[in-house]
Amino acid sequence: MSGNQNQDAVFSEVADILKRSISNRSKRHNHDPELLDIKPESSLIDDLDLDSLTMVDVILDLEDHFQIKFSEGESQSAFTVNDLKMLVIRKQQESKSASAG
């Protein structure tokens, strides 16, 4: 898989996890369909309206799905969907390097 295909696949999976978290939260709150229009530049807080609890759920879901582990600082450095995607890709690369070495 080429780099761009991998990035597209990771974005798609990250977006699916975000949509699931937003949908689960929407059952408890008013549902805004625009929240499910996830783009790489979407702000996790401003555009997707994620609160800190939902962000923790998203991070845990990403860790489980991709079999990676984020440090607290890494997870707090993500402000956009693209930031999450790039974090996942970096952690995957680190994991491959560690297992190869």
C-alpha atoms as a PDB file:
ATOM      1  CA  MET A   1       0.000   0.000   0.000  1.00  0.00           C
ATOM      2  CA  SER A   2       1.444   3.375  -0.959  1.00  0.00           C
ATOM      3  CA  GLY A   3       1.867   6.186   1.547  1.00  0.00           C
ATOM      4  CA  ASN A   4      -1.146   8.131   0.274  1.00  0.00           C
ATOM      5  CA  GLN A   5      -3.353   5.033   0.224  1.00  0.00           C
ATOM      6  CA  ASN A   6      -2.299   4.250   3.788  1.00  0.00           C
ATOM      7  CA  GLN A   7      -3.032   7.824   4.881  1.00  0.00           C
ATOM      8  CA  ASP A   8      -6.443   7.696   3.189  1.00  0.00           C
ATOM      9  CA  ALA A   9      -7.224   4.364   4.861  1.00  0.00           C
ATOM     10  CA  VAL A  10      -6.148   5.656   8.277  1.00  0.00           C
ATOM     11  CA  PHE A  11      -8.214   8.832   7.792  1.00  0.00           C
ATOM     12  CA  SER A  12     -11.254   6.737   6.903  1.00  0.00           C
ATOM     13  CA  GLU A  13     -10.845   4.561   9.995  1.00  0.00           C
ATOM     14  CA  VAL A  14     -10.233   7.564  12.278  1.00  0.00           C
ATOM     15  CA  ALA A  15     -13.326   9.265  10.817  1.00  0.00           C
ATOM     16  CA  ASP A  16     -15.408   6.128  11.423  1.00  0.00           C
ATOM     17  CA  ILE A  17     -14.308   6.011  15.074  1.00  0.00           C
ATOM     18  CA  LEU A  18     -15.122   9.717  15.481  1.00  0.00           C
ATOM     19  CA  LYS A  19     -18.555   9.253  13.858  1.00  0.00           C
ATOM     20  CA  ARG A  20     -19.309   6.352  16.188  1.00  0.00           C
ATOM     21  CA  SER A  21     -18.306   8.400  19.238  1.00  0.00           C
ATOM     22  CA  ILE A  22     -20.317  11.413  18.074  1.00  0.00           C
ATOM     23  CA  SER A  23     -23.338   9.217  17.350  1.00  0.00           C
ATOM     24  CA  ASN A  24     -23.114   7.585  20.778  1.00  0.00           C
ATOM     25  CA  ARG A  25     -22.894  10.988  22.428  1.00  0.00           C
ATOM     26  CA  SER A  26     -25.745  12.295  20.264  1.00  0.00           C
ATOM     27  CA  LYS A  27     -28.067   9.766  21.832  1.00  0.00           C
ATOM     28  CA  ARG A  28     -27.624  11.743  25.043  1.00  0.00           C
ATOM     29  CA  HIS A  29     -27.578  15.214  23.437  1.00  0.00           C
ATOM     30  CA  ASN A  30     -29.204  16.998  20.527  1.00  0.00           C
ATOM     31  CA  HIS A  31     -27.959  15.478  17.281  1.00  0.00           C
ATOM     32  CA  ASP A  32     -26.401  17.887  14.802  1.00  0.00           C
ATOM     33  CA  PRO A  33     -25.939  16.054  11.462  1.00  0.00           C
ATOM     34  CA  GLU A  34     -23.139  18.453  10.490  1.00  0.00           C
ATOM     35  CA  LEU A  35     -21.010  16.892  13.231  1.00  0.00           C
ATOM     36  CA  LEU A  36     -20.790  13.755  11.104  1.00  0.00           C
ATOM     37  CA  ASP A  37     -19.300  15.680   8.154  1.00  0.00           C
ATOM     38  CA  ILE A  38     -15.719  14.900   9.116  1.00  0.00           C
ATOM     39  CA  LYS A  39     -12.887  16.421   7.111  1.00  0.00           C
ATOM     40  CA  PRO A  40      -9.135  16.310   7.775  1.00  0.00           C
ATOM     41  CA  GLU A  41      -9.180  19.973   8.809  1.00  0.00           C
ATOM     42  CA  SER A  42     -12.153  19.536  11.173  1.00  0.00           C
ATOM     43  CA  SER A  43     -11.356  20.845  14.642  1.00  0.00           C
ATOM     44  CA  LEU A  44     -12.053  18.202  17.267  1.00  0.00           C
ATOM     45  CA  ILE A  45     -13.467  20.808  19.660  1.00  0.00           C
ATOM     46  CA  ASP A  46     -14.859  23.607  17.489  1.00  0.00           C
ATOM     47  CA  ASP A  47     -16.239  21.632  14.525  1.00  0.00           C
ATOM     48  CA  LEU A  48     -16.975  18.220  16.036  1.00  0.00           C
ATOM     49  CA  ASP A  49     -17.889  19.551  19.485  1.00  0.00           C
ATOM     50  CA  LEU A  50     -15.930  16.849  21.329  1.00  0.00           C
ATOM     51  CA  ASP A  51     -15.712  17.281  25.072  1.00  0.00           C
ATOM     52  CA  SER A  52     -12.854  15.901  27.162  1.00  0.00           C
ATOM     53  CA  LEU A  53     -14.717  12.709  28.059  1.00  0.00           C
ATOM     54  CA  THR A  54     -15.546  11.958  24.444  1.00  0.00           C
ATOM     55  CA  MET A  55     -11.916  12.643  23.496  1.00  0.00           C
ATOM     56  CA  VAL A  56     -10.771  10.062  26.048  1.00  0.00           C
ATOM     57  CA  ASP A  57     -13.187   7.563  24.494  1.00  0.00           C
ATOM     58  CA  VAL A  58     -11.915   8.379  20.995  1.00  0.00           C
ATOM     59  CA  ILE A  59      -8.273   7.957  22.058  1.00  0.00           C
ATOM     60  CA  LEU A  60      -9.032   4.619  23.724  1.00  0.00           C
ATOM     61  CA  ASP A  61     -10.960   3.457  20.648  1.00  0.00           C
ATOM     62  CA  LEU A  62      -8.063   4.469  18.387  1.00  0.00           C
ATOM     63  CA  GLU A  63      -5.583   2.631  20.608  1.00  0.00           C
ATOM     64  CA  ASP A  64      -7.715  -0.516  20.581  1.00  0.00           C
ATOM     65  CA  HIS A  65      -8.454  -0.369  16.863  1.00  0.00           C
ATOM     66  CA  PHE A  66      -4.885   0.276  15.712  1.00  0.00           C
ATOM     67  CA  GLN A  67      -3.136  -1.660  18.522  1.00  0.00           C
ATOM     68  CA  ILE A  68      -1.078   1.388  19.530  1.00  0.00           C
ATOM     69  CA  LYS A  69      -0.608   3.411  22.713  1.00  0.00           C
ATOM     70  CA  PHE A  70      -0.565   7.207  22.967  1.00  0.00           C
ATOM     71  CA  SER A  71       1.149   9.102  25.748  1.00  0.00           C
ATOM     72  CA  GLU A  72      -0.940  11.774  27.462  1.00  0.00           C
ATOM     73  CA  GLY A  73       1.070  14.510  25.761  1.00  0.00           C
ATOM     74  CA  GLU A  74       0.552  12.978  22.322  1.00  0.00           C
ATOM     75  CA  SER A  75      -3.183  12.681  22.721  1.00  0.00           C
ATOM     76  CA  GLN A  76      -3.439  16.247  23.993  1.00  0.00           C
ATOM     77  CA  SER A  77      -1.505  17.553  20.985  1.00  0.00           C
ATOM     78  CA  ALA A  78      -4.274  16.571  18.545  1.00  0.00           C
ATOM     79  CA  PHE A  79      -6.486  19.503  17.578  1.00  0.00           C
ATOM     80  CA  THR A  80      -7.807  18.343  14.202  1.00  0.00           C
ATOM     81  CA  VAL A  81      -8.821  15.066  12.594  1.00  0.00           C
ATOM     82  CA  ASN A  82      -5.633  15.271  10.521  1.00  0.00           C
ATOM     83  CA  ASP A  83      -3.601  15.550  13.749  1.00  0.00           C
ATOM     84  CA  LEU A  84      -5.185  12.297  14.968  1.00  0.00           C
ATOM     85  CA  LYS A  85      -4.501  10.607  11.633  1.00  0.00           C
ATOM     86  CA  MET A  86      -0.846  11.660  11.678  1.00  0.00           C
ATOM     87  CA  LEU A  87      -0.459  10.515  15.290  1.00  0.00           C
ATOM     88  CA  VAL A  88      -1.834   7.086  14.373  1.00  0.00           C
ATOM     89  CA  ILE A  89       0.499   6.820  11.367  1.00  0.00           C
ATOM     90  CA  ARG A  90       3.510   7.862  13.458  1.00  0.00           C
ATOM     91  CA  LYS A  91       2.667   5.337  16.185  1.00  0.00           C
ATOM     92  CA  GLN A  92       2.234   2.595  13.558  1.00  0.00           C
ATOM     93  CA  GLN A  93       5.642   3.434  12.104  1.00  0.00           C
ATOM     94  CA  GLU A  94       7.224   3.433  15.577  1.00  0.00           C
ATOM     95  CA  SER A  95       5.637   0.075  16.271  1.00  0.00           C
ATOM     96  CA  LYS A  96       6.954  -1.398  13.002  1.00  0.00           C
ATOM     97  CA  SER A  97      10.446  -0.028  13.713  1.00  0.00           C
ATOM     98  CA  ALA A  98      10.438  -1.473  17.238  1.00  0.00           C
ATOM     99  CA  SER A  99       9.318  -4.915  16.059  1.00  0.00           C
ATOM    100  CA  ALA A 100      11.834  -4.924  13.173  1.00  0.00           C
ATOM    101  CA  GLY A 101      14.728  -4.040  15.432  1.00  0.00           C
END
